[in-house]
């Protein structure tokens, strides 16, 4: 498996508009767009920064993953996503190495990405997302 780069850093926020006011108004980052991903019960905003992005995540359902994360830990960094060229091959390799996976098959992510998560117990306590984007 070859990791190409850090694709994005996911930050769980209580209110997307309030977070955007800080990230755009105070830090001066440019909003690339927002998207609701029904499957993951989340509304996202992407802010490019150098060769990566900050992804702000607002829950659309308290029972969704971001809603549960905020209820348990509060707002803050939720995951780090690494870009890979072939997500199926990466998952197969990780499974063969005995790495605990949350997703054994890729699913749809924001921005048209194909994503899969690795269990934090296998990654030193960090929720890791693998991300494949068209054109890689």
N, C-alpha and C. Protein backbone atom coordinates (compact mmCIF):
# COMPACT_ATOMS: atom_id res chain seq x y z
N UNK A 1 0.85 -1.18 0.00
CA UNK A 1 0.00 0.00 0.00
C UNK A 1 0.89 1.23 0.00
N UNK A 2 0.56 2.17 -0.85
CA UNK A 2 1.30 3.41 -0.89
C UNK A 2 0.38 4.57 -0.50
N UNK A 3 0.76 5.26 0.55
CA UNK A 3 0.03 6.46 0.96
C UNK A 3 0.58 7.61 0.13
N UNK A 4 -0.31 8.33 -0.56
CA UNK A 4 0.11 9.41 -1.44
C UNK A 4 0.32 10.72 -0.70
N UNK A 5 -0.56 11.01 0.26
CA UNK A 5 -0.46 12.25 1.03
C UNK A 5 -1.54 12.27 2.10
N UNK A 6 -1.47 13.27 2.97
CA UNK A 6 -2.58 13.53 3.88
C UNK A 6 -3.66 14.18 3.03
N UNK A 7 -4.81 13.53 2.91
CA UNK A 7 -5.90 14.06 2.10
C UNK A 7 -6.61 15.19 2.84
N UNK A 8 -6.98 14.92 4.08
CA UNK A 8 -7.64 15.95 4.88
C UNK A 8 -7.61 15.58 6.35
N UNK A 9 -7.91 16.59 7.17
CA UNK A 9 -8.04 16.41 8.60
C UNK A 9 -9.48 16.72 8.95
N UNK A 10 -10.17 15.76 9.55
CA UNK A 10 -11.58 15.91 9.89
C UNK A 10 -11.76 16.48 11.29
N UNK A 11 -12.54 17.57 11.37
CA UNK A 11 -12.80 18.23 12.63
C UNK A 11 -14.31 18.23 12.89
N UNK A 12 -14.72 17.59 13.98
CA UNK A 12 -16.13 17.56 14.37
C UNK A 12 -16.49 18.90 15.01
N UNK A 13 -17.58 19.50 14.53
CA UNK A 13 -18.01 20.80 15.05
C UNK A 13 -19.48 20.72 15.44
N UNK A 14 -19.85 21.53 16.41
CA UNK A 14 -21.26 21.56 16.84
C UNK A 14 -22.12 22.26 15.80
N UNK A 15 -21.66 23.42 15.33
CA UNK A 15 -22.41 24.20 14.34
C UNK A 15 -21.47 24.61 13.23
N UNK A 16 -21.76 24.13 12.04
CA UNK A 16 -20.89 24.38 10.89
C UNK A 16 -20.72 25.87 10.62
N UNK A 17 -21.81 26.62 10.66
CA UNK A 17 -21.71 28.05 10.36
C UNK A 17 -20.81 28.78 11.36
N UNK A 18 -20.89 28.42 12.63
CA UNK A 18 -20.02 29.04 13.64
C UNK A 18 -18.55 28.68 13.38
N UNK A 19 -18.31 27.42 13.06
CA UNK A 19 -16.94 26.98 12.78
C UNK A 19 -16.39 27.67 11.53
N UNK A 20 -17.24 27.81 10.51
CA UNK A 20 -16.80 28.48 9.28
C UNK A 20 -16.43 29.93 9.55
N UNK A 21 -17.15 30.58 10.45
CA UNK A 21 -16.82 31.97 10.80
C UNK A 21 -15.39 32.06 11.32
N UNK A 22 -14.97 31.07 12.12
CA UNK A 22 -13.59 31.07 12.63
C UNK A 22 -12.60 30.72 11.52
N UNK A 23 -12.84 29.62 10.82
CA UNK A 23 -11.87 29.14 9.84
C UNK A 23 -11.71 30.10 8.66
N UNK A 24 -12.80 30.73 8.23
CA UNK A 24 -12.70 31.67 7.10
C UNK A 24 -12.43 33.09 7.59
N UNK A 25 -13.15 33.53 8.61
CA UNK A 25 -13.03 34.91 9.07
C UNK A 25 -11.77 35.19 9.87
N UNK A 26 -11.37 34.25 10.72
CA UNK A 26 -10.21 34.47 11.58
C UNK A 26 -8.94 33.91 10.93
N UNK A 27 -8.99 32.66 10.49
CA UNK A 27 -7.80 32.04 9.89
C UNK A 27 -7.60 32.43 8.43
N UNK A 28 -8.67 32.89 7.79
CA UNK A 28 -8.56 33.33 6.40
C UNK A 28 -8.56 32.20 5.37
N UNK A 29 -9.01 31.00 5.78
CA UNK A 29 -9.09 29.91 4.81
C UNK A 29 -10.28 30.13 3.88
N UNK A 30 -10.18 29.60 2.69
CA UNK A 30 -11.25 29.77 1.70
C UNK A 30 -12.14 28.54 1.69
N UNK A 31 -13.44 28.76 1.76
CA UNK A 31 -14.40 27.66 1.71
C UNK A 31 -14.47 27.13 0.29
N UNK A 32 -14.23 25.83 0.15
CA UNK A 32 -14.27 25.18 -1.16
C UNK A 32 -15.67 24.69 -1.48
N UNK A 33 -16.50 24.48 -0.46
CA UNK A 33 -17.86 24.03 -0.67
C UNK A 33 -18.38 23.24 0.51
N UNK A 34 -19.70 23.09 0.55
CA UNK A 34 -20.33 22.28 1.58
C UNK A 34 -21.12 21.17 0.91
N UNK A 35 -21.36 20.12 1.66
CA UNK A 35 -22.10 18.97 1.14
C UNK A 35 -22.72 18.22 2.30
N UNK A 36 -23.93 17.72 2.08
CA UNK A 36 -24.56 16.83 3.05
C UNK A 36 -24.41 15.41 2.54
N UNK A 37 -23.88 14.54 3.40
CA UNK A 37 -23.72 13.13 3.06
C UNK A 37 -24.72 12.37 3.93
N UNK A 38 -25.88 12.09 3.34
CA UNK A 38 -26.98 11.45 4.07
C UNK A 38 -26.55 10.12 4.69
N UNK A 39 -25.80 9.32 3.93
CA UNK A 39 -25.38 8.00 4.40
C UNK A 39 -24.61 8.09 5.72
N UNK A 40 -23.85 9.17 5.91
CA UNK A 40 -23.06 9.31 7.12
C UNK A 40 -23.66 10.30 8.12
N UNK A 41 -24.84 10.82 7.78
CA UNK A 41 -25.56 11.73 8.68
C UNK A 41 -24.70 12.91 9.08
N UNK A 42 -24.15 13.57 8.05
CA UNK A 42 -23.21 14.64 8.30
C UNK A 42 -23.31 15.72 7.21
N UNK A 43 -23.04 16.94 7.61
CA UNK A 43 -22.89 18.06 6.69
C UNK A 43 -21.43 18.47 6.77
N UNK A 44 -20.78 18.60 5.62
CA UNK A 44 -19.35 18.86 5.60
C UNK A 44 -19.03 20.17 4.90
N UNK A 45 -17.88 20.71 5.23
CA UNK A 45 -17.32 21.87 4.53
C UNK A 45 -15.83 21.60 4.36
N UNK A 46 -15.33 21.86 3.15
CA UNK A 46 -13.91 21.65 2.87
C UNK A 46 -13.22 22.98 2.69
N UNK A 47 -12.06 23.11 3.35
CA UNK A 47 -11.25 24.31 3.29
C UNK A 47 -9.83 23.91 2.89
N UNK A 48 -9.44 24.12 1.62
CA UNK A 48 -8.10 23.75 1.18
C UNK A 48 -7.02 24.50 1.96
N UNK A 49 -5.93 23.81 2.20
CA UNK A 49 -4.80 24.39 2.91
C UNK A 49 -3.53 23.71 2.43
N UNK A 50 -2.78 24.39 1.58
CA UNK A 50 -1.60 23.77 0.99
C UNK A 50 -2.03 22.59 0.14
N UNK A 51 -1.42 21.46 0.33
CA UNK A 51 -1.76 20.27 -0.45
C UNK A 51 -2.79 19.38 0.21
N UNK A 52 -3.43 19.87 1.26
CA UNK A 52 -4.43 19.08 1.97
C UNK A 52 -5.67 19.94 2.20
N UNK A 53 -6.58 19.46 3.01
CA UNK A 53 -7.79 20.22 3.33
C UNK A 53 -8.16 20.00 4.79
N UNK A 54 -8.89 20.97 5.32
CA UNK A 54 -9.55 20.80 6.60
C UNK A 54 -11.00 20.47 6.26
N UNK A 55 -11.53 19.40 6.83
CA UNK A 55 -12.93 19.02 6.63
C UNK A 55 -13.66 19.25 7.94
N UNK A 56 -14.61 20.19 7.92
CA UNK A 56 -15.45 20.42 9.08
C UNK A 56 -16.67 19.52 8.98
N UNK A 57 -17.04 18.89 10.08
CA UNK A 57 -18.12 17.90 10.08
C UNK A 57 -19.17 18.26 11.13
N UNK A 58 -20.39 18.52 10.67
CA UNK A 58 -21.51 18.80 11.56
C UNK A 58 -22.51 17.66 11.43
N UNK A 59 -22.92 17.11 12.55
CA UNK A 59 -23.88 16.01 12.53
C UNK A 59 -25.26 16.49 12.10
N UNK A 60 -25.93 15.68 11.29
CA UNK A 60 -27.33 15.96 10.94
C UNK A 60 -28.27 15.07 11.75
N UNK A 61 -27.70 14.22 12.60
CA UNK A 61 -28.49 13.28 13.41
C UNK A 61 -27.66 12.93 14.64
N UNK A 62 -28.21 13.12 15.84
CA UNK A 62 -27.44 12.80 17.05
C UNK A 62 -26.99 11.35 17.12
N UNK A 63 -27.65 10.46 16.37
CA UNK A 63 -27.26 9.04 16.37
C UNK A 63 -26.23 8.72 15.29
N UNK A 64 -25.86 9.69 14.49
CA UNK A 64 -24.83 9.49 13.47
C UNK A 64 -23.44 9.48 14.11
N UNK A 65 -22.42 9.10 13.35
CA UNK A 65 -21.08 8.99 13.92
C UNK A 65 -20.54 10.30 14.50
N UNK A 66 -20.79 11.42 13.85
CA UNK A 66 -20.29 12.69 14.37
C UNK A 66 -21.11 13.12 15.59
N UNK A 67 -22.41 12.89 15.56
CA UNK A 67 -23.24 13.18 16.73
C UNK A 67 -22.77 12.41 17.95
N UNK A 68 -22.49 11.13 17.76
CA UNK A 68 -22.02 10.28 18.86
C UNK A 68 -20.63 10.72 19.33
N UNK A 69 -19.77 11.09 18.37
CA UNK A 69 -18.43 11.54 18.71
C UNK A 69 -18.50 12.78 19.59
N UNK A 70 -19.29 13.77 19.18
CA UNK A 70 -19.39 15.01 19.94
C UNK A 70 -20.02 14.75 21.32
N UNK A 71 -21.02 13.87 21.38
CA UNK A 71 -21.63 13.55 22.67
C UNK A 71 -20.62 12.92 23.63
N UNK A 72 -19.73 12.10 23.10
CA UNK A 72 -18.76 11.40 23.94
C UNK A 72 -17.51 12.23 24.24
N UNK A 73 -17.03 12.98 23.25
CA UNK A 73 -15.72 13.64 23.40
C UNK A 73 -15.75 15.14 23.22
N UNK A 74 -16.87 15.66 22.73
CA UNK A 74 -16.93 17.09 22.43
C UNK A 74 -16.37 17.37 21.04
N UNK A 75 -16.50 18.60 20.63
CA UNK A 75 -15.99 18.99 19.32
C UNK A 75 -14.47 18.91 19.30
N UNK A 76 -13.91 18.67 18.13
CA UNK A 76 -12.45 18.60 17.99
C UNK A 76 -12.05 17.69 16.86
N UNK A 77 -10.75 17.43 16.77
CA UNK A 77 -10.25 16.58 15.70
C UNK A 77 -10.86 15.20 15.80
N UNK A 78 -11.46 14.75 14.68
CA UNK A 78 -12.15 13.47 14.69
C UNK A 78 -11.38 12.40 13.94
N UNK A 79 -10.73 12.77 12.83
CA UNK A 79 -9.96 11.77 12.08
C UNK A 79 -8.91 12.44 11.20
N UNK A 80 -7.99 11.62 10.72
CA UNK A 80 -7.03 12.05 9.71
C UNK A 80 -7.19 11.10 8.53
N UNK A 81 -7.24 11.67 7.34
CA UNK A 81 -7.47 10.87 6.13
C UNK A 81 -6.21 10.86 5.27
N UNK A 82 -5.84 9.67 4.86
CA UNK A 82 -4.68 9.49 3.99
C UNK A 82 -5.17 9.07 2.60
N UNK A 83 -4.65 9.72 1.58
CA UNK A 83 -5.03 9.40 0.21
C UNK A 83 -4.23 8.19 -0.27
N UNK A 84 -4.93 7.25 -0.87
CA UNK A 84 -4.31 6.07 -1.48
C UNK A 84 -4.80 5.98 -2.93
N UNK A 85 -4.01 5.36 -3.77
CA UNK A 85 -4.37 5.24 -5.18
C UNK A 85 -5.42 4.16 -5.41
N UNK A 86 -5.36 3.08 -4.64
CA UNK A 86 -6.26 1.94 -4.84
C UNK A 86 -6.77 1.48 -3.47
N UNK A 87 -7.96 1.92 -3.13
CA UNK A 87 -8.47 1.66 -1.78
C UNK A 87 -8.78 0.18 -1.55
N UNK A 88 -9.25 -0.53 -2.59
CA UNK A 88 -9.51 -1.96 -2.40
C UNK A 88 -8.22 -2.71 -2.10
N UNK A 89 -7.16 -2.41 -2.83
CA UNK A 89 -5.87 -3.06 -2.60
C UNK A 89 -5.34 -2.71 -1.21
N UNK A 90 -5.50 -1.46 -0.80
CA UNK A 90 -5.03 -1.04 0.52
C UNK A 90 -5.77 -1.79 1.61
N UNK A 91 -7.09 -1.91 1.50
CA UNK A 91 -7.87 -2.63 2.50
C UNK A 91 -7.50 -4.11 2.54
N UNK A 92 -7.29 -4.71 1.37
CA UNK A 92 -6.90 -6.12 1.32
C UNK A 92 -5.55 -6.32 2.01
N UNK A 93 -4.61 -5.42 1.75
CA UNK A 93 -3.28 -5.53 2.37
C UNK A 93 -3.36 -5.36 3.89
N UNK A 94 -4.13 -4.39 4.33
CA UNK A 94 -4.27 -4.16 5.76
C UNK A 94 -4.94 -5.34 6.45
N UNK A 95 -5.97 -5.89 5.82
CA UNK A 95 -6.66 -7.05 6.38
C UNK A 95 -5.70 -8.24 6.48
N UNK A 96 -4.89 -8.43 5.44
CA UNK A 96 -3.91 -9.52 5.43
C UNK A 96 -2.89 -9.35 6.56
N UNK A 97 -2.58 -8.10 6.90
CA UNK A 97 -1.63 -7.82 7.98
C UNK A 97 -2.28 -7.86 9.35
N UNK A 98 -3.60 -8.12 9.39
CA UNK A 98 -4.29 -8.24 10.66
C UNK A 98 -4.73 -6.92 11.27
N UNK A 99 -4.77 -5.87 10.46
CA UNK A 99 -5.21 -4.57 10.96
C UNK A 99 -6.73 -4.58 11.08
N UNK A 100 -7.22 -4.16 12.22
CA UNK A 100 -8.66 -4.12 12.46
C UNK A 100 -9.29 -2.98 11.64
N UNK A 101 -10.28 -3.34 10.84
CA UNK A 101 -10.95 -2.38 9.97
C UNK A 101 -12.35 -2.09 10.47
N UNK A 102 -12.80 -0.87 10.31
CA UNK A 102 -14.21 -0.54 10.52
C UNK A 102 -14.96 -0.87 9.24
N UNK A 103 -14.37 -0.51 8.11
CA UNK A 103 -14.97 -0.76 6.79
C UNK A 103 -14.11 -1.75 6.02
N UNK A 104 -14.68 -2.89 5.66
CA UNK A 104 -13.93 -3.84 4.85
C UNK A 104 -14.08 -3.55 3.36
N UNK A 105 -15.08 -2.73 3.03
CA UNK A 105 -15.30 -2.30 1.65
C UNK A 105 -15.45 -0.79 1.65
N UNK A 106 -14.99 -0.13 0.59
CA UNK A 106 -15.13 1.33 0.53
C UNK A 106 -16.58 1.76 0.47
N UNK A 107 -16.82 2.97 0.96
CA UNK A 107 -18.15 3.56 0.88
C UNK A 107 -18.01 4.98 0.34
N UNK A 108 -19.15 5.60 0.07
CA UNK A 108 -19.15 6.94 -0.48
C UNK A 108 -18.80 7.96 0.60
N UNK A 109 -17.92 8.89 0.24
CA UNK A 109 -17.57 9.99 1.13
C UNK A 109 -17.81 11.31 0.45
N UNK A 110 -17.66 12.38 1.18
CA UNK A 110 -17.88 13.73 0.64
C UNK A 110 -16.93 13.99 -0.52
N UNK A 111 -17.38 14.81 -1.44
CA UNK A 111 -16.56 15.18 -2.58
C UNK A 111 -16.36 14.07 -3.58
N UNK A 112 -17.21 13.04 -3.53
CA UNK A 112 -17.10 11.95 -4.47
C UNK A 112 -16.00 10.95 -4.16
N UNK A 113 -15.38 11.08 -3.00
CA UNK A 113 -14.31 10.16 -2.63
C UNK A 113 -14.87 8.80 -2.24
N UNK A 114 -14.04 7.78 -2.38
CA UNK A 114 -14.32 6.46 -1.84
C UNK A 114 -13.49 6.36 -0.58
N UNK A 115 -14.14 6.00 0.54
CA UNK A 115 -13.47 6.03 1.83
C UNK A 115 -13.66 4.72 2.60
N UNK A 116 -12.78 4.52 3.57
CA UNK A 116 -12.90 3.40 4.51
C UNK A 116 -12.13 3.80 5.76
N UNK A 117 -12.65 3.37 6.91
CA UNK A 117 -12.02 3.71 8.18
C UNK A 117 -11.33 2.51 8.80
N UNK A 118 -10.21 2.78 9.47
CA UNK A 118 -9.48 1.79 10.25
C UNK A 118 -9.83 2.01 11.71
N UNK A 119 -9.92 0.96 12.47
CA UNK A 119 -10.32 1.07 13.88
C UNK A 119 -9.21 1.75 14.69
N UNK A 120 -9.58 2.70 15.55
CA UNK A 120 -8.57 3.39 16.37
C UNK A 120 -7.75 2.46 17.25
N UNK A 121 -8.30 1.31 17.62
CA UNK A 121 -7.53 0.38 18.45
C UNK A 121 -6.37 -0.24 17.67
N UNK A 122 -6.41 -0.13 16.34
CA UNK A 122 -5.33 -0.67 15.52
C UNK A 122 -4.34 0.40 15.09
N UNK A 123 -4.64 1.65 15.43
CA UNK A 123 -3.82 2.76 14.91
C UNK A 123 -3.29 3.67 16.01
N UNK A 124 -3.20 3.15 17.22
CA UNK A 124 -2.68 3.95 18.31
C UNK A 124 -3.66 4.99 18.82
N UNK A 125 -4.95 4.74 18.65
CA UNK A 125 -5.96 5.64 19.19
C UNK A 125 -6.46 6.71 18.25
N UNK A 126 -5.97 6.73 17.02
CA UNK A 126 -6.39 7.73 16.04
C UNK A 126 -7.33 7.08 15.02
N UNK A 127 -8.47 7.72 14.77
CA UNK A 127 -9.36 7.23 13.72
C UNK A 127 -8.73 7.61 12.38
N UNK A 128 -8.38 6.59 11.60
CA UNK A 128 -7.72 6.80 10.31
C UNK A 128 -8.70 6.48 9.20
N UNK A 129 -8.77 7.38 8.24
CA UNK A 129 -9.59 7.18 7.05
C UNK A 129 -8.66 7.01 5.86
N UNK A 130 -8.97 6.04 5.02
CA UNK A 130 -8.31 5.93 3.73
C UNK A 130 -9.25 6.56 2.71
N UNK A 131 -8.68 7.25 1.75
CA UNK A 131 -9.47 8.03 0.81
C UNK A 131 -8.90 7.84 -0.60
N UNK A 132 -9.77 7.49 -1.52
CA UNK A 132 -9.37 7.40 -2.93
C UNK A 132 -10.21 8.40 -3.72
N UNK A 133 -9.55 9.21 -4.51
CA UNK A 133 -10.25 10.19 -5.33
C UNK A 133 -9.99 9.92 -6.80
N UNK A 134 -10.96 10.22 -7.63
CA UNK A 134 -10.80 10.03 -9.07
C UNK A 134 -9.62 10.85 -9.55
N UNK A 135 -8.92 10.31 -10.50
CA UNK A 135 -7.79 11.02 -11.08
C UNK A 135 -6.46 10.77 -10.39
N UNK A 136 -6.45 9.95 -9.34
CA UNK A 136 -5.18 9.64 -8.66
C UNK A 136 -4.39 8.63 -9.45
